[in-house]
């Protein structure tokens, strides 16, 4: 009976080769047993793989970066710009959430974990875990092993995102051990804070160097302007009756006043730069600390099960199509099929 239905369905196909939805539905109904069987096998395979796969534990932490320039530093940079000089400094874009998103997965930060490892708190004490050894990563050279470990961390362990509305950066760390996930998160926070502190102190050191050098120059210019004014007053005790001498006096006074104001502002900027150079406060505000997760992440097992079902459906449709095609060729009794049967 199935052969007759197949032949009738073959005759229902239009001459131009188009297949209607009715044809597709009829095909699925005819081969439903094979498709359902393949889907069941795929789902069973996905379920077994999901149960055998190791559980993932995700530790999450978030922080708020302090974007923009800091007080004192921007003042020195502004004074430097007035004199046609520029100082390396971090702009607001460099301290934006997008900057930290790239920083966390950068080679500078990840190398800090790969080289020194992470300290995991266990019931027996603190244990230093080598990430390359834990993930089973091998390389022909230590550099290659470090590069592969960084790639594993950036693509399979660490996930970074931020909210454009609040600028809060959220970091998720996923490993097969809850303690390790929290330890990697804590190590990331320490490395980010250390990087911010080091770059800020280096920037403040450059600011201090410029301010110190410029302050010495301004002191010399101020003394020169004072000496010029003093000489003028000694040589011209009565200058108020002469317009030319009065103009010269006012010009010298303006020079002294301007140099004095610049020297005072530069001295203040120099002191502020010295303070920033030794300041060790963090420039990020931690909102949520990384904590040891208590429940595993079911996402990995669910995805494995879904992939098994999808694979089973695809295999079922493929086998059904091959079977359908074989029956149609057999019913058509084509010359090629007769020759194939004779060969068999």
C-alpha atoms as a PDB file:
ATOM      1  CA  UNK A   1       0.000   0.000   0.000  1.00  0.00           C
ATOM      2  CA  UNK A   2       2.897   2.334   0.772  1.00  0.00           C
ATOM      3  CA  UNK A   3       4.193   1.854  -2.767  1.00  0.00           C
ATOM      4  CA  UNK A   4       0.867   2.945  -4.202  1.00  0.00           C
ATOM      5  CA  UNK A   5       0.755   6.011  -2.025  1.00  0.00           C
ATOM      6  CA  UNK A   6       4.311   6.859  -3.024  1.00  0.00           C
ATOM      7  CA  UNK A   7       3.459   6.470  -6.710  1.00  0.00           C
ATOM      8  CA  UNK A   8       0.345   8.614  -6.335  1.00  0.00           C
ATOM      9  CA  UNK A   9       2.356  11.285  -4.567  1.00  0.00           C
ATOM     10  CA  UNK A  10       4.975  11.222  -7.315  1.00  0.00           C
ATOM     11  CA  UNK A  11       2.249  11.792  -9.897  1.00  0.00           C
ATOM     12  CA  UNK A  12       0.886  14.727  -7.904  1.00  0.00           C
ATOM     13  CA  UNK A  13       4.100  16.705  -8.324  1.00  0.00           C
ATOM     14  CA  UNK A  14       3.682  19.390 -10.954  1.00  0.00           C
ATOM     15  CA  UNK A  15       5.528  19.264 -14.210  1.00  0.00           C
ATOM     16  CA  UNK A  16       7.656  22.287 -13.402  1.00  0.00           C
ATOM     17  CA  UNK A  17       9.260  20.461 -10.418  1.00  0.00           C
ATOM     18  CA  UNK A  18       7.646  22.546  -7.646  1.00  0.00           C
ATOM     19  CA  UNK A  19       6.757  20.788  -4.372  1.00  0.00           C
ATOM     20  CA  UNK A  20       3.811  22.020  -2.349  1.00  0.00           C
ATOM     21  CA  UNK A  21       3.367  22.016   1.409  1.00  0.00           C
ATOM     22  CA  UNK A  22       0.973  19.112   1.018  1.00  0.00           C
ATOM     23  CA  UNK A  23       3.773  17.066  -0.531  1.00  0.00           C
ATOM     24  CA  UNK A  24       6.093  17.907   2.364  1.00  0.00           C
ATOM     25  CA  UNK A  25       3.422  17.053   4.937  1.00  0.00           C
ATOM     26  CA  UNK A  26       2.686  13.774   3.206  1.00  0.00           C
ATOM     27  CA  UNK A  27       6.386  12.943   3.151  1.00  0.00           C
ATOM     28  CA  UNK A  28       6.714  13.614   6.902  1.00  0.00           C
ATOM     29  CA  UNK A  29       3.620  11.534   7.707  1.00  0.00           C
ATOM     30  CA  UNK A  30       4.815   8.620   5.638  1.00  0.00           C
ATOM     31  CA  UNK A  31       8.276   8.599   7.216  1.00  0.00           C
ATOM     32  CA  UNK A  32       7.209   9.640  10.698  1.00  0.00           C
ATOM     33  CA  UNK A  33       8.389   6.419  12.308  1.00  0.00           C
ATOM     34  CA  UNK A  34      11.899   6.779  10.960  1.00  0.00           C
ATOM     35  CA  UNK A  35      12.068  10.482  11.849  1.00  0.00           C
ATOM     36  CA  UNK A  36      10.722   9.918  15.366  1.00  0.00           C
ATOM     37  CA  UNK A  37      13.106   7.022  15.910  1.00  0.00           C
ATOM     38  CA  UNK A  38      16.109   9.085  14.830  1.00  0.00           C
ATOM     39  CA  UNK A  39      14.948  11.995  16.991  1.00  0.00           C
ATOM     40  CA  UNK A  40      14.579   9.705  19.995  1.00  0.00           C
ATOM     41  CA  UNK A  41      18.050   8.269  19.450  1.00  0.00           C
ATOM     42  CA  UNK A  42      19.525  11.795  19.131  1.00  0.00           C
ATOM     43  CA  UNK A  43      17.743  12.956  22.284  1.00  0.00           C
ATOM     44  CA  UNK A  44      18.966   9.879  24.144  1.00  0.00           C
ATOM     45  CA  UNK A  45      22.513  10.503  22.944  1.00  0.00           C
ATOM     46  CA  UNK A  46      22.301  14.161  24.006  1.00  0.00           C
ATOM     47  CA  UNK A  47      20.908  13.197  27.405  1.00  0.00           C
ATOM     48  CA  UNK A  48      23.697  10.704  28.064  1.00  0.00           C
ATOM     49  CA  UNK A  49      26.320  13.241  26.950  1.00  0.00           C
ATOM     50  CA  UNK A  50      24.764  15.930  29.150  1.00  0.00           C
ATOM     51  CA  UNK A  51      24.735  13.666  32.205  1.00  0.00           C
ATOM     52  CA  UNK A  52      28.332  12.614  31.631  1.00  0.00           C
ATOM     53  CA  UNK A  53      29.537  16.193  31.085  1.00  0.00           C
ATOM     54  CA  UNK A  54      31.023  18.019  34.060  1.00  0.00           C
ATOM     55  CA  UNK A  55      28.961  20.686  35.774  1.00  0.00           C
ATOM     56  CA  UNK A  56      29.810  24.356  35.322  1.00  0.00           C
ATOM     57  CA  UNK A  57      29.821  26.870  38.168  1.00  0.00           C
ATOM     58  CA  UNK A  58      29.574  30.585  37.449  1.00  0.00           C
ATOM     59  CA  UNK A  59      30.882  33.303  39.770  1.00  0.00           C
ATOM     60  CA  UNK A  60      29.810  36.867  38.952  1.00  0.00           C
ATOM     61  CA  UNK A  61      31.114  40.226  40.118  1.00  0.00           C
ATOM     62  CA  UNK A  62      30.468  43.806  39.016  1.00  0.00           C
ATOM     63  CA  UNK A  63      32.099  47.189  39.473  1.00  0.00           C
ATOM     64  CA  UNK A  64      31.669  50.799  38.448  1.00  0.00           C
ATOM     65  CA  UNK A  65      34.667  52.499  36.787  1.00  0.00           C
ATOM     66  CA  UNK A  66      35.438  56.122  37.581  1.00  0.00           C
ATOM     67  CA  UNK A  67      35.720  57.614  34.098  1.00  0.00           C
ATOM     68  CA  UNK A  68      37.119  60.997  33.261  1.00  0.00           C
ATOM     69  CA  UNK A  69      40.232  62.819  34.391  1.00  0.00           C
ATOM     70  CA  UNK A  70      41.169  63.166  38.009  1.00  0.00           C
ATOM     71  CA  UNK A  71      41.527  66.410  39.901  1.00  0.00           C
ATOM     72  CA  UNK A  72      44.996  67.909  39.891  1.00  0.00           C
ATOM     73  CA  UNK A  73      46.123  65.816  36.957  1.00  0.00           C
ATOM     74  CA  UNK A  74      43.821  67.623  34.549  1.00  0.00           C
ATOM     75  CA  UNK A  75      45.009  70.962  35.977  1.00  0.00           C
ATOM     76  CA  UNK A  76      48.641  70.186  35.220  1.00  0.00           C
ATOM     77  CA  UNK A  77      47.732  68.935  31.762  1.00  0.00           C
ATOM     78  CA  UNK A  78      45.799  72.151  31.113  1.00  0.00           C
ATOM     79  CA  UNK A  79      48.770  74.269  32.099  1.00  0.00           C
ATOM     80  CA  UNK A  80      51.012  72.140  29.923  1.00  0.00           C
ATOM     81  CA  UNK A  81      48.717  72.754  26.954  1.00  0.00           C
ATOM     82  CA  UNK A  82      49.003  76.509  27.497  1.00  0.00           C
ATOM     83  CA  UNK A  83      52.735  76.262  26.946  1.00  0.00           C
ATOM     84  CA  UNK A  84      52.385  74.092  23.859  1.00  0.00           C
ATOM     85  CA  UNK A  85      53.344  70.850  25.604  1.00  0.00           C
ATOM     86  CA  UNK A  86      51.459  67.580  25.979  1.00  0.00           C
ATOM     87  CA  UNK A  87      51.618  64.982  28.713  1.00  0.00           C
ATOM     88  CA  UNK A  88      50.541  61.326  28.339  1.00  0.00           C
ATOM     89  CA  UNK A  89      47.302  60.979  30.241  1.00  0.00           C
ATOM     90  CA  UNK A  90      44.236  58.766  30.341  1.00  0.00           C
ATOM     91  CA  UNK A  91      41.166  60.285  28.782  1.00  0.00           C
ATOM     92  CA  UNK A  92      37.585  59.511  29.638  1.00  0.00           C
ATOM     93  CA  UNK A  93      37.337  56.981  26.793  1.00  0.00           C
ATOM     94  CA  UNK A  94      40.251  54.994  28.230  1.00  0.00           C
ATOM     95  CA  UNK A  95      38.435  54.576  31.528  1.00  0.00           C
ATOM     96  CA  UNK A  96      35.051  53.853  30.003  1.00  0.00           C
ATOM     97  CA  UNK A  97      33.250  50.505  30.532  1.00  0.00           C
ATOM     98  CA  UNK A  98      34.291  49.466  27.022  1.00  0.00           C
ATOM     99  CA  UNK A  99      37.918  50.009  28.021  1.00  0.00           C
ATOM    100  CA  UNK A 100      37.560  47.628  30.982  1.00  0.00           C
ATOM    101  CA  UNK A 101      35.761  45.115  28.758  1.00  0.00           C
ATOM    102  CA  UNK A 102      38.860  44.912  26.578  1.00  0.00           C
ATOM    103  CA  UNK A 103      41.260  45.205  29.508  1.00  0.00           C
ATOM    104  CA  UNK A 104      39.929  42.162  31.359  1.00  0.00           C
ATOM    105  CA  UNK A 105      40.588  39.837  28.409  1.00  0.00           C
ATOM    106  CA  UNK A 106      43.863  41.495  27.431  1.00  0.00           C
ATOM    107  CA  UNK A 107      47.204  39.737  27.479  1.00  0.00           C
ATOM    108  CA  UNK A 108      48.463  42.008  30.273  1.00  0.00           C
ATOM    109  CA  UNK A 109      45.724  40.939  32.703  1.00  0.00           C
ATOM    110  CA  UNK A 110      45.455  37.270  31.714  1.00  0.00           C
ATOM    111  CA  UNK A 111      49.209  36.774  31.918  1.00  0.00           C
ATOM    112  CA  UNK A 112      49.023  37.750  35.572  1.00  0.00           C
ATOM    113  CA  UNK A 113      46.800  34.736  36.254  1.00  0.00           C
ATOM    114  CA  UNK A 114      48.544  32.319  33.914  1.00  0.00           C
ATOM    115  CA  UNK A 115      52.013  32.961  35.312  1.00  0.00           C
ATOM    116  CA  UNK A 116      51.272  33.144  39.021  1.00  0.00           C
ATOM    117  CA  UNK A 117      48.160  30.964  39.155  1.00  0.00           C
ATOM    118  CA  UNK A 118      45.160  31.613  41.374  1.00  0.00           C
ATOM    119  CA  UNK A 119      44.748  30.928  45.079  1.00  0.00           C
ATOM    120  CA  UNK A 120      41.723  28.751  45.818  1.00  0.00           C
ATOM    121  CA  UNK A 121      40.384  28.538  49.353  1.00  0.00           C
ATOM    122  CA  UNK A 122      39.599  24.924  50.293  1.00  0.00           C
ATOM    123  CA  UNK A 123      38.610  23.124  53.486  1.00  0.00           C
ATOM    124  CA  UNK A 124      42.247  22.263  54.161  1.00  0.00           C
ATOM    125  CA  UNK A 125      43.671  25.707  53.394  1.00  0.00           C
ATOM    126  CA  UNK A 126      44.737  27.825  50.451  1.00  0.00           C
ATOM    127  CA  UNK A 127      45.932  26.062  47.294  1.00  0.00           C
ATOM    128  CA  UNK A 128      47.568  27.684  44.273  1.00  0.00           C
ATOM    129  CA  UNK A 129      46.049  26.302  41.067  1.00  0.00           C
ATOM    130  CA  UNK A 130      48.013  26.307  37.811  1.00  0.00           C
ATOM    131  CA  UNK A 131      45.379  27.112  35.197  1.00  0.00           C
ATOM    132  CA  UNK A 132      47.233  25.462  32.316  1.00  0.00           C
ATOM    133  CA  UNK A 133      47.523  22.241  34.297  1.00  0.00           C
ATOM    134  CA  UNK A 134      43.926  22.432  35.519  1.00  0.00           C
ATOM    135  CA  UNK A 135      42.518  22.815  31.994  1.00  0.00           C
ATOM    136  CA  UNK A 136      44.896  20.190  30.601  1.00  0.00           C
ATOM    137  CA  UNK A 137      46.540  22.585  28.134  1.00  0.00           C
ATOM    138  CA  UNK A 138      49.846  21.518  26.664  1.00  0.00           C
ATOM    139  CA  UNK A 139      52.202  23.312  24.327  1.00  0.00           C
ATOM    140  CA  UNK A 140      55.534  22.715  22.688  1.00  0.00           C
ATOM    141  CA  UNK A 141      56.968  25.773  24.463  1.00  0.00           C
ATOM    142  CA  UNK A 142      56.008  27.630  27.646  1.00  0.00           C
ATOM    143  CA  UNK A 143      55.019  30.619  25.509  1.00  0.00           C
ATOM    144  CA  UNK A 144      52.665  28.503  23.434  1.00  0.00           C
ATOM    145  CA  UNK A 145      51.148  26.963  26.549  1.00  0.00           C
ATOM    146  CA  UNK A 146      50.569  30.430  28.026  1.00  0.00           C
ATOM    147  CA  UNK A 147      48.985  31.647  24.792  1.00  0.00           C
ATOM    148  CA  UNK A 148      46.618  28.666  24.655  1.00  0.00           C
ATOM    149  CA  UNK A 149      45.673  29.149  28.298  1.00  0.00           C
ATOM    150  CA  UNK A 150      44.912  32.836  27.704  1.00  0.00           C
ATOM    151  CA  UNK A 151      42.758  31.863  24.734  1.00  0.00           C
ATOM    152  CA  UNK A 152      40.857  29.346  26.857  1.00  0.00           C
ATOM    153  CA  UNK A 153      40.250  31.968  29.545  1.00  0.00           C
ATOM    154  CA  UNK A 154      39.136  34.655  27.109  1.00  0.00           C
ATOM    155  CA  UNK A 155      36.814  32.465  25.031  1.00  0.00           C
ATOM    156  CA  UNK A 156      35.526  29.784  27.388  1.00  0.00           C
ATOM    157  CA  UNK A 157      35.895  30.967  30.980  1.00  0.00           C
ATOM    158  CA  UNK A 158      35.534  34.766  31.246  1.00  0.00           C
ATOM    159  CA  UNK A 159      32.553  36.681  29.914  1.00  0.00           C
ATOM    160  CA  UNK A 160      32.421  40.488  30.198  1.00  0.00           C
ATOM    161  CA  UNK A 161      29.510  42.833  29.623  1.00  0.00           C
ATOM    162  CA  UNK A 162      28.416  46.299  30.687  1.00  0.00           C
ATOM    163  CA  UNK A 163      25.265  48.377  30.888  1.00  0.00           C
ATOM    164  CA  UNK A 164      25.296  51.470  28.643  1.00  0.00           C
ATOM    165  CA  UNK A 165      22.740  53.136  30.927  1.00  0.00           C
ATOM    166  CA  UNK A 166      24.585  52.703  34.243  1.00  0.00           C
ATOM    167  CA  UNK A 167      28.173  51.983  33.027  1.00  0.00           C
ATOM    168  CA  UNK A 168      28.332  49.018  35.424  1.00  0.00           C
ATOM    169  CA  UNK A 169      30.728  46.315  34.208  1.00  0.00           C
ATOM    170  CA  UNK A 170      29.654  42.723  34.928  1.00  0.00           C
ATOM    171  CA  UNK A 171      32.105  39.815  34.718  1.00  0.00           C
ATOM    172  CA  UNK A 172      31.128  36.132  34.793  1.00  0.00           C
ATOM    173  CA  UNK A 173      33.682  33.372  35.397  1.00  0.00           C
ATOM    174  CA  UNK A 174      32.647  29.806  34.531  1.00  0.00           C
ATOM    175  CA  UNK A 175      34.716  26.743  35.476  1.00  0.00           C
ATOM    176  CA  UNK A 176      34.073  23.199  36.633  1.00  0.00           C
ATOM    177  CA  UNK A 177      34.818  24.025  40.284  1.00  0.00           C
ATOM    178  CA  UNK A 178      32.911  26.601  42.358  1.00  0.00           C
ATOM    179  CA  UNK A 179      35.967  27.610  44.371  1.00  0.00           C
ATOM    180  CA  UNK A 180      38.061  28.108  41.256  1.00  0.00           C
ATOM    181  CA  UNK A 181      35.423  30.332  39.633  1.00  0.00           C
ATOM    182  CA  UNK A 182      35.395  32.622  42.667  1.00  0.00           C
ATOM    183  CA  UNK A 183      39.197  32.606  42.876  1.00  0.00           C
ATOM    184  CA  UNK A 184      39.578  33.634  39.235  1.00  0.00           C
ATOM    185  CA  UNK A 185      37.087  36.454  39.811  1.00  0.00           C
ATOM    186  CA  UNK A 186      38.982  37.735  42.853  1.00  0.00           C
ATOM    187  CA  UNK A 187      42.268  37.552  40.979  1.00  0.00           C
ATOM    188  CA  UNK A 188      40.778  39.545  38.104  1.00  0.00           C
ATOM    189  CA  UNK A 189      39.671  42.283  40.500  1.00  0.00           C
ATOM    190  CA  UNK A 190      43.144  42.443  42.037  1.00  0.00           C
ATOM    191  CA  UNK A 191      44.824  42.652  38.627  1.00  0.00           C
ATOM    192  CA  UNK A 192      42.439  45.385  37.430  1.00  0.00           C
ATOM    193  CA  UNK A 193      43.042  47.460  40.569  1.00  0.00           C
ATOM    194  CA  UNK A 194      46.807  46.975  40.285  1.00  0.00           C
ATOM    195  CA  UNK A 195      46.767  48.024  36.632  1.00  0.00           C
ATOM    196  CA  UNK A 196      44.747  51.156  37.416  1.00  0.00           C
ATOM    197  CA  UNK A 197      47.018  52.062  40.313  1.00  0.00           C
ATOM    198  CA  UNK A 198      50.204  51.535  38.336  1.00  0.00           C
ATOM    199  CA  UNK A 199      49.048  53.517  35.309  1.00  0.00           C
ATOM    200  CA  UNK A 200      47.718  56.356  37.472  1.00  0.00           C
ATOM    201  CA  UNK A 201      50.944  56.630  39.468  1.00  0.00           C
ATOM    202  CA  UNK A 202      52.992  56.504  36.274  1.00  0.00           C
ATOM    203  CA  UNK A 203      50.863  59.273  34.809  1.00  0.00           C
ATOM    204  CA  UNK A 204      51.165  61.336  37.997  1.00  0.00           C
ATOM    205  CA  UNK A 205      54.938  60.852  37.912  1.00  0.00           C
ATOM    206  CA  UNK A 206      55.052  62.303  34.404  1.00  0.00           C
ATOM    207  CA  UNK A 207      52.854  65.192  35.546  1.00  0.00           C
ATOM    208  CA  UNK A 208      55.134  65.845  38.525  1.00  0.00           C
ATOM    209  CA  UNK A 209      58.235  65.829  36.340  1.00  0.00           C
ATOM    210  CA  UNK A 210      56.745  68.401  34.002  1.00  0.00           C
ATOM    211  CA  UNK A 211      55.457  70.575  36.855  1.00  0.00           C
ATOM    212  CA  UNK A 212      58.824  70.501  38.635  1.00  0.00           C
ATOM    213  CA  UNK A 213      60.761  71.459  35.515  1.00  0.00           C
ATOM    214  CA  UNK A 214      58.318  74.212  34.563  1.00  0.00           C
ATOM    215  CA  UNK A 215      58.230  75.549  38.127  1.00  0.00           C
ATOM    216  CA  UNK A 216      62.013  76.042  38.062  1.00  0.00           C
ATOM    217  CA  UNK A 217      61.716  77.914  34.772  1.00  0.00           C
ATOM    218  CA  UNK A 218      58.925  80.145  36.123  1.00  0.00           C
ATOM    219  CA  UNK A 219      60.928  80.931  39.246  1.00  0.00           C
ATOM    220  CA  UNK A 220      63.822  82.075  37.087  1.00  0.00           C
ATOM    221  CA  UNK A 221      61.509  84.147  34.879  1.00  0.00           C
ATOM    222  CA  UNK A 222      59.879  85.666  37.979  1.00  0.00           C
ATOM    223  CA  UNK A 223      63.233  86.692  39.432  1.00  0.00           C
ATOM    224  CA  UNK A 224      64.235  88.212  36.110  1.00  0.00           C
ATOM    225  CA  UNK A 225      60.991  90.196  35.907  1.00  0.00           C
ATOM    226  CA  UNK A 226      61.442  91.380  39.515  1.00  0.00           C
ATOM    227  CA  UNK A 227      64.991  92.468  38.814  1.00  0.00           C
ATOM    228  CA  UNK A 228      63.875  94.448  35.770  1.00  0.00           C
ATOM    229  CA  UNK A 229      61.189  96.219  37.802  1.00  0.00           C
ATOM    230  CA  UNK A 230      63.647  96.920  40.623  1.00  0.00           C
ATOM    231  CA  UNK A 231      66.188  98.425  38.228  1.00  0.00           C
ATOM    232  CA  UNK A 232      63.525 100.614  36.660  1.00  0.00           C
ATOM    233  CA  UNK A 233      62.416 101.964  40.051  1.00  0.00           C
ATOM    234  CA  UNK A 234      66.012 102.685  41.105  1.00  0.00           C
ATOM    235  CA  UNK A 235      66.771 104.553  37.898  1.00  0.00           C
ATOM    236  CA  UNK A 236      63.440 106.392  37.701  1.00  0.00           C
ATOM    237  CA  UNK A 237      62.340 107.629  41.104  1.00  0.00           C
ATOM    238  CA  UNK A 238      59.956 110.183  39.614  1.00  0.00           C
ATOM    239  CA  UNK A 239      58.269 108.609  36.571  1.00  0.00           C
ATOM    240  CA  UNK A 240      54.633 109.613  37.059  1.00  0.00           C
ATOM    241  CA  UNK A 241      55.044 112.820  35.077  1.00  0.00           C
ATOM    242  CA  UNK A 242      56.351 110.968  32.015  1.00  0.00           C
ATOM    243  CA  UNK A 243      53.787 108.968  29.974  1.00  0.00           C
ATOM    244  CA  UNK A 244      56.527 106.822  28.443  1.00  0.00           C
ATOM    245  CA  UNK A 245      58.025 105.915  31.826  1.00  0.00           C
ATOM    246  CA  UNK A 246      54.579 105.255  33.278  1.00  0.00           C
ATOM    247  CA  UNK A 247      53.794 102.858  30.431  1.00  0.00           C
ATOM    248  CA  UNK A 248      57.113 101.073  30.934  1.00  0.00           C
ATOM    249  CA  UNK A 249      56.455 100.767  34.663  1.00  0.00           C
ATOM    250  CA  UNK A 250      53.004  99.266  34.094  1.00  0.00           C
ATOM    251  CA  UNK A 251      54.415  96.788  31.592  1.00  0.00           C
ATOM    252  CA  UNK A 252      57.048  95.569  34.050  1.00  0.00           C
ATOM    253  CA  UNK A 253      54.450  95.267  36.798  1.00  0.00           C
ATOM    254  CA  UNK A 254      52.233  93.151  34.543  1.00  0.00           C
ATOM    255  CA  UNK A 255      55.142  90.843  33.761  1.00  0.00           C
ATOM    256  CA  UNK A 256      55.892  90.351  37.451  1.00  0.00           C
ATOM    257  CA  UNK A 257      52.219  89.733  38.271  1.00  0.00           C
ATOM    258  CA  UNK A 258      51.764  87.229  35.428  1.00  0.00           C
ATOM    259  CA  UNK A 259      54.900  85.298  36.351  1.00  0.00           C
ATOM    260  CA  UNK A 260      53.817  85.242  39.983  1.00  0.00           C
ATOM    261  CA  UNK A 261      50.359  83.862  39.137  1.00  0.00           C
ATOM    262  CA  UNK A 262      51.815  81.204  36.848  1.00  0.00           C
ATOM    263  CA  UNK A 263      54.380  80.203  39.454  1.00  0.00           C
ATOM    264  CA  UNK A 264      51.694  79.912  42.141  1.00  0.00           C
ATOM    265  CA  UNK A 265      49.424  77.777  39.912  1.00  0.00           C
ATOM    266  CA  UNK A 266      52.320  75.550  38.896  1.00  0.00           C
ATOM    267  CA  UNK A 267      53.394  75.119  42.505  1.00  0.00           C
ATOM    268  CA  UNK A 268      49.879  73.974  43.420  1.00  0.00           C
ATOM    269  CA  UNK A 269      49.808  71.578  40.458  1.00  0.00           C
ATOM    270  CA  UNK A 270      53.226  70.240  41.452  1.00  0.00           C
ATOM    271  CA  UNK A 271      52.048  69.471  44.981  1.00  0.00           C
ATOM    272  CA  UNK A 272      48.875  67.805  43.666  1.00  0.00           C
ATOM    273  CA  UNK A 273      50.927  65.642  41.298  1.00  0.00           C
ATOM    274  CA  UNK A 274      53.164  64.568  44.182  1.00  0.00           C
ATOM    275  CA  UNK A 275      50.063  63.525  46.123  1.00  0.00           C
ATOM    276  CA  UNK A 276      48.646  61.578  43.173  1.00  0.00           C
ATOM    277  CA  UNK A 277      51.990  59.865  42.647  1.00  0.00           C
ATOM    278  CA  UNK A 278      51.811  58.147  46.048  1.00  0.00           C
ATOM    279  CA  UNK A 279      48.033  57.724  46.276  1.00  0.00           C
ATOM    280  CA  UNK A 280      47.069  54.046  46.452  1.00  0.00           C
ATOM    281  CA  UNK A 281      43.266  54.236  46.440  1.00  0.00           C
ATOM    282  CA  UNK A 282      41.318  52.271  43.833  1.00  0.00           C
ATOM    283  CA  UNK A 283      39.674  54.030  40.910  1.00  0.00           C
ATOM    284  CA  UNK A 284      36.862  51.474  40.608  1.00  0.00           C
ATOM    285  CA  UNK A 285      33.937  50.904  42.933  1.00  0.00           C
ATOM    286  CA  UNK A 286      33.206  47.208  43.465  1.00  0.00           C
ATOM    287  CA  UNK A 287      29.459  46.582  43.612  1.00  0.00           C
ATOM    288  CA  UNK A 288      29.350  42.782  43.923  1.00  0.00           C
ATOM    289  CA  UNK A 289      32.285  40.727  45.112  1.00  0.00           C
ATOM    290  CA  UNK A 290      32.892  37.315  43.470  1.00  0.00           C
ATOM    291  CA  UNK A 291      31.396  34.661  45.727  1.00  0.00           C
ATOM    292  CA  UNK A 292      31.596  30.884  45.579  1.00  0.00           C
ATOM    293  CA  UNK A 293      28.537  29.671  43.586  1.00  0.00           C
ATOM    294  CA  UNK A 294      26.357  27.156  45.383  1.00  0.00           C
ATOM    295  CA  UNK A 295      24.379  25.865  42.398  1.00  0.00           C
ATOM    296  CA  UNK A 296      25.739  24.612  39.066  1.00  0.00           C
ATOM    297  CA  UNK A 297      24.932  26.276  35.792  1.00  0.00           C
ATOM    298  CA  UNK A 298      22.442  24.070  33.863  1.00  0.00           C
ATOM    299  CA  UNK A 299      22.926  25.905  30.591  1.00  0.00           C
ATOM    300  CA  UNK A 300      25.630  23.574  29.300  1.00  0.00           C
ATOM    301  CA  UNK A 301      23.601  20.411  29.804  1.00  0.00           C
ATOM    302  CA  UNK A 302      20.458  21.932  28.313  1.00  0.00           C
ATOM    303  CA  UNK A 303      22.372  22.999  25.208  1.00  0.00           C
ATOM    304  CA  UNK A 304      23.850  19.510  24.858  1.00  0.00           C
ATOM    305  CA  UNK A 305      20.389  17.962  25.049  1.00  0.00           C
ATOM    306  CA  UNK A 306      18.981  20.421  22.497  1.00  0.00           C
ATOM    307  CA  UNK A 307      21.869  19.755  20.120  1.00  0.00           C
ATOM    308  CA  UNK A 308      21.219  16.012  20.404  1.00  0.00           C
ATOM    309  CA  UNK A 309      17.535  16.478  19.501  1.00  0.00           C
ATOM    310  CA  UNK A 310      18.396  18.719  16.537  1.00  0.00           C
ATOM    311  CA  UNK A 311      20.990  16.241  15.301  1.00  0.00           C
ATOM    312  CA  UNK A 312      18.490  13.387  15.577  1.00  0.00           C
ATOM    313  CA  UNK A 313      15.873  15.309  13.556  1.00  0.00           C
ATOM    314  CA  UNK A 314      18.408  16.119  10.842  1.00  0.00           C
ATOM    315  CA  UNK A 315      19.569  12.506  10.613  1.00  0.00           C
ATOM    316  CA  UNK A 316      15.958  11.299  10.564  1.00  0.00           C
ATOM    317  CA  UNK A 317      15.011  13.591   7.690  1.00  0.00           C
ATOM    318  CA  UNK A 318      18.168  12.617   5.830  1.00  0.00           C
ATOM    319  CA  UNK A 319      17.464   8.891   6.113  1.00  0.00           C
ATOM    320  CA  UNK A 320      13.809   9.412   5.231  1.00  0.00           C
ATOM    321  CA  UNK A 321      14.750  11.371   2.125  1.00  0.00           C
ATOM    322  CA  UNK A 322      17.175   8.666   1.011  1.00  0.00           C
ATOM    323  CA  UNK A 323      14.551   5.987   1.556  1.00  0.00           C
ATOM    324  CA  UNK A 324      11.907   8.009  -0.296  1.00  0.00           C
ATOM    325  CA  UNK A 325      14.237   8.639  -3.201  1.00  0.00           C
ATOM    326  CA  UNK A 326      15.145   4.979  -3.428  1.00  0.00           C
ATOM    327  CA  UNK A 327      11.491   3.906  -3.589  1.00  0.00           C
ATOM    328  CA  UNK A 328      10.690   6.474  -6.262  1.00  0.00           C
ATOM    329  CA  UNK A 329      13.590   5.344  -8.403  1.00  0.00           C
ATOM    330  CA  UNK A 330      12.555   1.716  -7.925  1.00  0.00           C
ATOM    331  CA  UNK A 331       8.933   2.412  -8.886  1.00  0.00           C
ATOM    332  CA  UNK A 332       9.969   4.345 -11.957  1.00  0.00           C
ATOM    333  CA  UNK A 333      11.898   1.279 -13.182  1.00  0.00           C
ATOM    334  CA  UNK A 334      14.452   3.509 -14.839  1.00  0.00           C
ATOM    335  CA  UNK A 335      17.150   2.086 -17.066  1.00  0.00           C
ATOM    336  CA  UNK A 336      19.813   2.979 -14.526  1.00  0.00           C
ATOM    337  CA  UNK A 337      17.964   1.126 -11.769  1.00  0.00           C
ATOM    338  CA  UNK A 338      17.513  -1.990 -13.956  1.00  0.00           C
ATOM    339  CA  UNK A 339      21.211  -2.004 -14.740  1.00  0.00           C
ATOM    340  CA  UNK A 340      21.992  -1.595 -11.042  1.00  0.00           C
ATOM    341  CA  UNK A 341      19.677  -4.558 -10.197  1.00  0.00           C
ATOM    342  CA  UNK A 342      21.318  -6.720 -12.856  1.00  0.00           C
ATOM    343  CA  UNK A 343      24.728  -5.935 -11.416  1.00  0.00           C
ATOM    344  CA  UNK A 344      23.523  -6.956  -7.959  1.00  0.00           C
END
